[in-house]
């Protein structure tokens, strides 16, 4: 029996559940994201720096880019460029777009709620719930959420040629089983639990688990467990419909061939991703979602602690992954939790501080163009670390003491909130 969200989410997990959540999450050397006291002073967001990052993304090939910051001192939106190349409509923070792999955090929240309801166990084999699905009984539910199953990412082959691969699946409707079969047709990448290896196949199986345990489509789980409780008015899961209803951002895919024209990739089923990447949202809702998650509105304290316990994903020791959740360690020491998203025509960042007090969502309407994505990521440093200290004046400097470092950028403007 499902426990109502209003009474269940704030409960502390039982001792047995707490042990189950914590067990086997990470080696002793993993980075651990325990809640910390709110700093006495937090830097004000560098809105000019956010705009500079957005403009850099546009300079590197995105038709438009936008970001929305939310913090104790209010919300601020910034946008540059266009959301529709044909109409010339300006980018704006109320418009909806495809959030790509940020969807994985939505799926993780639902599955972890089912763990809280004792409908499955994180360290049980996936085949316990989906008999015969996977050829290795050692692959657990936890391995899916942490990208440590070793299941190959079928999208690597699917989109080896970017535009032809996309056009081949743009209007296709896959079953979950078909996607799993594509993964299983390739060699596994690691032994179960041995190493982090990102794969969309993991969250396809998560979608299968959600539907098997609830007896309902994954869209229903998103709607009932996340969208409605948080009042996310512009968030939806419309698969296999190809349209984005209402005012929205159009996405533009860069072909592999340098100089080739952009491909409008807005309308598609996203059936190749489904529970791994087919959610639609906007910056307002994404800020609400990541903030509410970090504040404990969707999961119990013990479950949230498990979700934010992370291990490194690369050698930089600045990027980590937990249970369907990324952690970035910024240059100022601030840690932010959320997810990145890439789907044809859209790059997305959606992150909050661990206390949920500060959030940022940013999007650029292009993909297959890494420079634009890297530039967009600069919004995180500007939002959460604030303005960089001014360089010490040199002997040749003629700027008067206290002079302003720059005039406001023309694109720096407060944008209206629309619902």
Protein backbone atom coordinates (compact mmCIF):
# COMPACT_ATOMS: atom_id res chain seq x y z
CA UNK A 1 0.00 0.00 0.00
CA UNK A 2 1.37 3.41 -0.96
CA UNK A 3 1.89 5.85 1.90
CA UNK A 4 0.59 9.36 1.09
CA UNK A 5 3.33 11.85 0.28
CA UNK A 6 2.13 14.39 2.81
CA UNK A 7 2.65 12.05 5.75
CA UNK A 8 5.45 9.84 4.51
CA UNK A 9 8.23 11.98 3.06
CA UNK A 10 9.24 13.73 6.28
CA UNK A 11 9.45 10.56 8.36
CA UNK A 12 12.84 9.32 9.43
CA UNK A 13 13.51 5.90 7.97
CA UNK A 14 13.51 2.88 10.25
CA UNK A 15 16.82 1.47 11.46
CA UNK A 16 16.51 -1.39 8.99
CA UNK A 17 15.84 0.96 6.10
CA UNK A 18 18.68 3.23 7.12
CA UNK A 19 21.09 0.30 7.12
CA UNK A 20 19.80 -0.89 3.76
CA UNK A 21 20.19 2.54 2.22
CA UNK A 22 23.70 3.00 3.51
CA UNK A 23 24.98 -0.49 2.85
CA UNK A 24 27.48 -0.87 0.05
CA UNK A 25 26.95 2.63 -1.24
CA UNK A 26 30.57 3.57 -1.63
CA UNK A 27 34.05 2.58 -0.51
CA UNK A 28 35.44 4.21 2.60
CA UNK A 29 37.43 6.61 0.49
CA UNK A 30 34.40 8.01 -1.35
CA UNK A 31 33.39 11.63 -0.98
CA UNK A 32 30.49 11.97 1.42
CA UNK A 33 27.96 14.75 1.22
CA UNK A 34 26.56 15.15 4.71
CA UNK A 35 24.41 18.20 5.40
CA UNK A 36 26.44 21.07 6.68
CA UNK A 37 25.50 24.20 8.55
CA UNK A 38 24.57 27.12 6.36
CA UNK A 39 27.60 29.38 6.02
CA UNK A 40 27.39 32.66 7.88
CA UNK A 41 27.93 34.48 4.63
CA UNK A 42 27.29 33.23 1.13
CA UNK A 43 28.49 35.11 -1.93
CA UNK A 44 25.94 37.03 -3.93
CA UNK A 45 25.47 35.54 -7.39
CA UNK A 46 27.54 37.20 -10.07
CA UNK A 47 24.75 37.95 -12.53
CA UNK A 48 27.13 39.66 -14.94
CA UNK A 49 29.22 36.49 -14.84
CA UNK A 50 26.14 34.40 -15.56
CA UNK A 51 25.37 36.58 -18.57
CA UNK A 52 28.96 36.29 -19.75
CA UNK A 53 28.66 32.48 -19.60
CA UNK A 54 25.39 32.59 -21.55
CA UNK A 55 26.89 34.89 -24.15
CA UNK A 56 29.90 32.60 -24.45
CA UNK A 57 27.58 29.67 -25.10
CA UNK A 58 25.89 31.65 -27.89
CA UNK A 59 29.27 32.71 -29.28
CA UNK A 60 30.14 29.01 -29.38
CA UNK A 61 27.16 27.99 -31.48
CA UNK A 62 23.96 28.06 -29.44
CA UNK A 63 21.15 30.20 -30.91
CA UNK A 64 20.19 31.18 -27.36
CA UNK A 65 20.85 30.48 -23.70
CA UNK A 66 19.20 31.33 -20.39
CA UNK A 67 19.59 30.83 -16.66
CA UNK A 68 17.49 31.36 -13.56
CA UNK A 69 18.96 31.78 -10.10
CA UNK A 70 16.91 31.38 -6.93
CA UNK A 71 18.20 32.21 -3.46
CA UNK A 72 17.30 33.77 -0.11
CA UNK A 73 17.37 37.22 -1.71
CA UNK A 74 14.95 36.32 -4.48
CA UNK A 75 15.02 35.04 -8.05
CA UNK A 76 16.73 36.46 -11.09
CA UNK A 77 16.54 35.37 -14.71
CA UNK A 78 18.90 36.14 -17.54
CA UNK A 79 18.64 35.30 -21.23
CA UNK A 80 20.51 35.96 -24.44
CA UNK A 81 19.83 35.05 -28.05
CA UNK A 82 16.68 33.43 -29.42
CA UNK A 83 14.53 30.44 -28.57
CA UNK A 84 13.24 30.19 -32.13
CA UNK A 85 15.51 30.98 -35.08
CA UNK A 86 12.63 31.22 -37.53
CA UNK A 87 10.40 33.63 -35.59
CA UNK A 88 13.24 35.40 -33.80
CA UNK A 89 11.44 34.98 -30.46
CA UNK A 90 13.80 35.89 -27.63
CA UNK A 91 15.01 33.30 -25.16
CA UNK A 92 13.12 33.57 -21.88
CA UNK A 93 13.03 31.71 -18.58
CA UNK A 94 9.33 30.83 -18.69
CA UNK A 95 9.66 28.71 -21.85
CA UNK A 96 9.67 24.92 -21.68
CA UNK A 97 12.34 22.65 -23.14
CA UNK A 98 13.57 19.05 -23.10
CA UNK A 99 15.71 18.51 -20.00
CA UNK A 100 17.44 15.31 -21.14
CA UNK A 101 19.23 13.40 -18.40
CA UNK A 102 17.98 15.67 -15.64
CA UNK A 103 15.07 13.23 -16.03
CA UNK A 104 17.26 10.62 -14.35
CA UNK A 105 16.93 12.44 -11.03
CA UNK A 106 13.13 12.39 -11.40
CA UNK A 107 13.28 8.63 -12.00
CA UNK A 108 15.63 8.14 -9.05
CA UNK A 109 13.32 10.01 -6.69
CA UNK A 110 10.39 7.81 -7.66
CA UNK A 111 12.40 4.60 -7.26
CA UNK A 112 13.78 5.71 -3.89
CA UNK A 113 10.25 6.48 -2.70
CA UNK A 114 9.37 2.90 -3.60
CA UNK A 115 12.37 1.76 -1.54
CA UNK A 116 11.01 3.77 1.40
CA UNK A 117 7.68 2.06 0.91
CA UNK A 118 9.51 -1.30 1.12
CA UNK A 119 8.42 -2.31 -2.35
CA UNK A 120 11.99 -3.08 -3.37
CA UNK A 121 15.49 -3.14 -1.91
CA UNK A 122 18.48 -1.25 -3.28
CA UNK A 123 20.86 -4.15 -2.92
CA UNK A 124 18.54 -6.81 -4.32
CA UNK A 125 19.28 -8.15 -7.81
CA UNK A 126 17.27 -6.45 -10.54
CA UNK A 127 16.06 -9.88 -11.66
CA UNK A 128 14.26 -10.25 -8.32
CA UNK A 129 11.69 -7.80 -9.65
CA UNK A 130 12.12 -8.29 -13.39
CA UNK A 131 12.80 -12.05 -13.66
CA UNK A 132 15.13 -13.02 -16.46
CA UNK A 133 15.65 -9.47 -17.75
CA UNK A 134 19.42 -9.31 -17.22
CA UNK A 135 21.98 -12.06 -17.85
CA UNK A 136 23.88 -11.34 -14.63
CA UNK A 137 22.21 -11.93 -11.26
CA UNK A 138 24.85 -9.75 -9.59
CA UNK A 139 23.45 -6.51 -11.06
CA UNK A 140 21.50 -4.76 -8.30
CA UNK A 141 19.08 -1.88 -8.20
CA UNK A 142 21.83 0.25 -6.61
CA UNK A 143 24.13 -0.52 -9.54
CA UNK A 144 21.55 1.01 -11.88
CA UNK A 145 21.20 4.25 -9.93
CA UNK A 146 24.97 4.69 -9.57
CA UNK A 147 25.87 3.72 -13.17
CA UNK A 148 27.88 0.73 -11.97
CA UNK A 149 25.94 -2.09 -13.61
CA UNK A 150 28.24 -2.53 -16.59
CA UNK A 151 25.27 -2.37 -18.99
CA UNK A 152 26.47 -0.86 -22.27
CA UNK A 153 25.06 2.48 -23.36
CA UNK A 154 23.24 1.64 -26.59
CA UNK A 155 23.08 5.34 -27.53
CA UNK A 156 26.78 5.36 -28.43
CA UNK A 157 26.13 3.20 -31.46
CA UNK A 158 22.69 4.68 -32.10
CA UNK A 159 24.11 8.20 -32.49
CA UNK A 160 27.55 7.36 -33.82
CA UNK A 161 26.54 9.54 -36.77
CA UNK A 162 24.72 12.37 -35.08
CA UNK A 163 22.11 13.62 -37.53
CA UNK A 164 21.43 10.36 -39.43
CA UNK A 165 21.17 8.56 -36.10
CA UNK A 166 18.73 11.12 -34.77
CA UNK A 167 16.56 11.13 -37.89
CA UNK A 168 16.36 7.33 -37.74
CA UNK A 169 14.75 7.44 -34.28
CA UNK A 170 13.09 10.89 -34.25
CA UNK A 171 9.58 9.46 -34.67
CA UNK A 172 10.20 5.89 -33.60
CA UNK A 173 8.50 4.42 -30.53
CA UNK A 174 10.59 1.83 -28.69
CA UNK A 175 9.52 -0.54 -25.98
CA UNK A 176 11.68 -0.69 -22.86
CA UNK A 177 12.58 -4.27 -23.80
CA UNK A 178 13.84 -3.19 -27.22
CA UNK A 179 16.18 -0.67 -25.60
CA UNK A 180 17.45 -3.24 -23.09
CA UNK A 181 18.05 -5.67 -25.96
CA UNK A 182 20.13 -3.03 -27.77
CA UNK A 183 22.30 -2.72 -24.66
CA UNK A 184 22.63 -6.46 -24.11
CA UNK A 185 23.71 -6.93 -27.73
CA UNK A 186 26.94 -5.11 -26.83
CA UNK A 187 29.71 -6.25 -24.47
CA UNK A 188 29.31 -5.13 -20.90
CA UNK A 189 31.63 -2.33 -19.87
CA UNK A 190 32.52 -3.36 -16.30
CA UNK A 191 31.86 -6.04 -13.75
CA UNK A 192 28.81 -5.15 -11.61
CA UNK A 193 29.83 -2.62 -8.98
CA UNK A 194 33.43 -2.36 -10.17
CA UNK A 195 33.45 1.12 -11.69
CA UNK A 196 31.32 4.09 -12.74
CA UNK A 197 30.36 3.93 -16.41
CA UNK A 198 27.51 6.18 -17.50
CA UNK A 199 24.79 4.38 -19.44
CA UNK A 200 21.25 5.32 -20.40
CA UNK A 201 20.39 1.62 -20.24
CA UNK A 202 20.52 1.79 -16.45
CA UNK A 203 17.64 4.24 -16.28
CA UNK A 204 15.64 2.44 -18.92
CA UNK A 205 15.64 -0.48 -16.48
CA UNK A 206 14.72 1.95 -13.67
CA UNK A 207 11.65 2.90 -15.70
CA UNK A 208 10.77 -0.77 -16.08
CA UNK A 209 11.06 -1.25 -12.32
CA UNK A 210 8.81 1.74 -11.63
CA UNK A 211 6.13 0.47 -13.99
CA UNK A 212 6.35 -3.11 -12.71
CA UNK A 213 6.06 -2.10 -9.05
CA UNK A 214 3.37 0.56 -9.46
CA UNK A 215 1.39 -1.11 -12.22
CA UNK A 216 1.13 2.27 -13.92
CA UNK A 217 3.04 4.16 -16.65
CA UNK A 218 6.09 6.08 -15.48
CA UNK A 219 4.30 9.30 -16.48
CA UNK A 220 1.76 8.62 -13.75
CA UNK A 221 4.50 8.17 -11.16
CA UNK A 222 6.15 11.46 -12.10
CA UNK A 223 2.82 13.25 -12.01
CA UNK A 224 1.53 11.86 -8.72
CA UNK A 225 4.77 11.74 -6.76
CA UNK A 226 6.67 14.83 -7.95
CA UNK A 227 4.87 17.15 -10.36
CA UNK A 228 1.60 17.60 -8.47
CA UNK A 229 3.02 17.74 -4.91
CA UNK A 230 5.55 20.40 -5.92
CA UNK A 231 3.18 22.34 -8.19
CA UNK A 232 5.43 22.03 -11.23
CA UNK A 233 3.13 23.73 -13.71
CA UNK A 234 5.36 23.44 -16.76
CA UNK A 235 6.81 19.99 -16.23
CA UNK A 236 5.47 16.99 -18.15
CA UNK A 237 6.29 13.57 -19.55
CA UNK A 238 4.52 13.31 -22.88
CA UNK A 239 6.23 10.31 -24.46
CA UNK A 240 5.54 9.24 -27.16
CA UNK A 241 3.99 12.55 -28.24
CA UNK A 242 6.50 14.59 -30.23
CA UNK A 243 5.25 18.05 -29.29
CA UNK A 244 6.12 20.50 -26.53
CA UNK A 245 2.87 22.23 -25.62
CA UNK A 246 2.72 25.97 -25.06
CA UNK A 247 5.53 28.49 -25.42
CA UNK A 248 8.76 26.57 -25.67
CA UNK A 249 12.37 26.65 -26.74
CA UNK A 250 13.23 25.10 -30.08
CA UNK A 251 16.27 22.85 -30.07
CA UNK A 252 18.99 22.88 -32.73
CA UNK A 253 21.33 19.97 -33.34
CA UNK A 254 24.84 20.52 -34.69
CA UNK A 255 25.75 18.06 -37.46
CA UNK A 256 29.10 16.30 -37.25
CA UNK A 257 30.28 18.10 -40.39
CA UNK A 258 31.81 21.49 -39.56
CA UNK A 259 29.83 24.34 -41.08
CA UNK A 260 26.76 22.25 -41.92
CA UNK A 261 23.43 23.93 -41.11
CA UNK A 262 21.78 23.33 -37.76
CA UNK A 263 18.97 20.77 -37.64
CA UNK A 264 15.76 21.70 -35.82
CA UNK A 265 15.36 18.74 -33.48
CA UNK A 266 12.49 20.03 -31.33
CA UNK A 267 9.80 17.56 -32.36
CA UNK A 268 10.71 13.98 -31.47
CA UNK A 269 9.38 11.13 -29.36
CA UNK A 270 12.55 10.83 -27.23
CA UNK A 271 11.51 7.20 -27.09
CA UNK A 272 15.16 6.23 -27.33
CA UNK A 273 15.55 7.62 -23.77
CA UNK A 274 12.15 7.51 -22.03
CA UNK A 275 12.76 7.34 -18.25
CA UNK A 276 16.41 8.17 -18.89
CA UNK A 277 15.73 11.52 -20.53
CA UNK A 278 12.27 12.42 -21.87
CA UNK A 279 10.95 14.92 -19.29
CA UNK A 280 10.02 18.46 -20.37
CA UNK A 281 10.30 21.39 -17.94
CA UNK A 282 11.42 25.00 -17.55
CA UNK A 283 13.91 26.86 -15.31
CA UNK A 284 11.27 27.86 -12.76
CA UNK A 285 10.18 24.27 -12.19
CA UNK A 286 13.71 22.90 -12.23
CA UNK A 287 14.78 25.30 -9.49
CA UNK A 288 11.73 24.26 -7.48
CA UNK A 289 12.49 20.58 -8.00
CA UNK A 290 16.17 20.59 -7.06
CA UNK A 291 15.58 22.88 -4.09
CA UNK A 292 12.66 20.81 -2.80
CA UNK A 293 14.67 17.62 -3.19
CA UNK A 294 17.58 18.99 -1.19
CA UNK A 295 15.22 20.35 1.48
CA UNK A 296 13.78 16.89 2.08
CA UNK A 297 10.33 17.44 0.62
CA UNK A 298 10.47 14.32 -1.56
CA UNK A 299 12.53 11.84 0.46
CA UNK A 300 13.18 11.02 4.10
CA UNK A 301 16.42 12.30 5.68
CA UNK A 302 18.01 8.84 5.58
CA UNK A 303 17.15 8.32 1.93
CA UNK A 304 18.36 11.78 0.96
CA UNK A 305 21.59 11.10 2.83
CA UNK A 306 22.03 7.93 0.77
CA UNK A 307 21.21 9.73 -2.46
CA UNK A 308 23.84 12.41 -1.82
CA UNK A 309 26.58 9.97 -0.82
CA UNK A 310 28.81 10.04 -3.86
CA UNK A 311 31.89 8.57 -5.51
CA UNK A 312 34.22 10.22 -8.04
CA UNK A 313 33.43 9.93 -11.74
CA UNK A 314 36.80 11.13 -13.05
CA UNK A 315 40.34 11.94 -11.94
CA UNK A 316 39.69 15.62 -11.19
CA UNK A 317 38.02 14.95 -7.83
CA UNK A 318 35.52 17.69 -8.60
CA UNK A 319 32.75 15.57 -10.14
CA UNK A 320 30.88 12.83 -8.33
CA UNK A 321 27.78 10.65 -8.66
CA UNK A 322 25.36 9.34 -6.05
CA UNK A 323 21.96 7.73 -6.61
CA UNK A 324 20.81 9.38 -9.82
CA UNK A 325 22.39 12.62 -8.69
CA UNK A 326 25.58 14.49 -9.59
CA UNK A 327 27.72 16.54 -7.24
CA UNK A 328 30.07 19.25 -8.49
CA UNK A 329 32.68 20.78 -6.22
CA UNK A 330 33.20 24.37 -7.33
CA UNK A 331 36.35 26.47 -7.10
CA UNK A 332 35.10 28.34 -4.02
CA UNK A 333 34.50 25.10 -2.10
CA UNK A 334 30.73 25.12 -2.57
CA UNK A 335 29.18 21.75 -3.38
CA UNK A 336 26.12 21.65 -5.62
CA UNK A 337 23.83 18.70 -6.34
CA UNK A 338 21.66 18.05 -9.37
CA UNK A 339 22.11 16.75 -12.88
CA UNK A 340 23.17 17.74 -16.36
CA UNK A 341 21.09 16.99 -19.41
CA UNK A 342 21.82 16.49 -23.08
CA UNK A 343 19.15 15.66 -25.61
CA UNK A 344 19.18 16.58 -29.29
CA UNK A 345 19.09 20.38 -29.40
CA UNK A 346 19.40 21.10 -25.66
CA UNK A 347 22.09 21.31 -22.98
CA UNK A 348 20.80 21.70 -19.41
CA UNK A 349 22.24 22.26 -15.92
CA UNK A 350 19.98 22.03 -12.84
CA UNK A 351 21.71 22.26 -9.45
CA UNK A 352 21.14 23.34 -5.84
CA UNK A 353 23.24 23.66 -2.73
CA UNK A 354 22.87 20.84 -0.21
CA UNK A 355 20.61 22.92 2.00
CA UNK A 356 18.37 23.77 -0.96
CA UNK A 357 18.65 27.50 -0.30
CA UNK A 358 20.28 28.38 -3.62
CA UNK A 359 19.45 26.92 -7.03
CA UNK A 360 20.39 27.49 -10.64
CA UNK A 361 18.97 26.13 -13.88
CA UNK A 362 20.53 26.94 -17.24
CA UNK A 363 19.88 25.81 -20.80
CA UNK A 364 21.35 26.39 -24.25
CA UNK A 365 19.31 25.33 -27.28
CA UNK A 366 21.92 23.30 -29.07
CA UNK A 367 23.82 20.02 -28.69
CA UNK A 368 26.63 18.03 -30.25
CA UNK A 369 28.80 21.10 -29.75
CA UNK A 370 30.87 20.72 -26.61
CA UNK A 371 32.21 24.27 -26.51
CA UNK A 372 28.66 25.60 -26.04
CA UNK A 373 28.06 23.13 -23.21
CA UNK A 374 31.33 23.96 -21.47
CA UNK A 375 30.55 27.66 -21.68
CA UNK A 376 27.06 27.12 -20.23
CA UNK A 377 28.61 25.29 -17.28
CA UNK A 378 30.27 28.58 -16.32
CA UNK A 379 26.91 29.70 -14.95
CA UNK A 380 27.45 27.44 -11.93
CA UNK A 381 30.64 29.16 -10.80
CA UNK A 382 29.10 32.61 -11.29
CA UNK A 383 25.88 31.71 -9.48
CA UNK A 384 27.28 29.87 -6.48
CA UNK A 385 30.76 31.37 -6.06
CA UNK A 386 29.94 34.98 -6.90
CA UNK A 387 32.15 37.57 -8.44
CA UNK A 388 35.82 36.67 -8.69
CA UNK A 389 38.14 38.95 -6.71
CA UNK A 390 39.50 41.75 -8.83
CA UNK A 391 43.10 41.31 -9.89
CA UNK A 392 45.59 43.38 -7.94
CA UNK A 393 46.37 46.64 -9.80
CA UNK A 394 49.67 46.74 -11.61
CA UNK A 395 52.09 49.63 -11.77
CA UNK A 396 50.67 50.53 -15.19
CA UNK A 397 47.06 50.64 -14.00
CA UNK A 398 45.46 54.05 -14.30
CA UNK A 399 42.01 53.10 -13.02
CA UNK A 400 40.99 55.29 -10.08
CA UNK A 401 40.46 53.63 -6.74
CA UNK A 402 36.89 52.36 -6.38
CA UNK A 403 36.14 52.58 -10.09
CA UNK A 404 33.48 50.19 -11.41
CA UNK A 405 34.97 47.18 -13.15
CA UNK A 406 32.47 47.28 -16.02
CA UNK A 407 29.17 48.71 -17.12
CA UNK A 408 26.09 46.49 -17.01
CA UNK A 409 25.90 44.19 -19.99
CA UNK A 410 23.03 45.01 -22.39
CA UNK A 411 21.65 41.48 -22.09
CA UNK A 412 21.57 41.64 -18.30
CA UNK A 413 17.93 42.14 -17.46
CA UNK A 414 15.39 40.86 -14.98
CA UNK A 415 12.86 38.68 -16.72
CA UNK A 416 9.21 38.35 -15.72
CA UNK A 417 7.98 35.17 -14.13
CA UNK A 418 5.13 33.71 -16.16
CA UNK A 419 3.09 30.63 -15.44
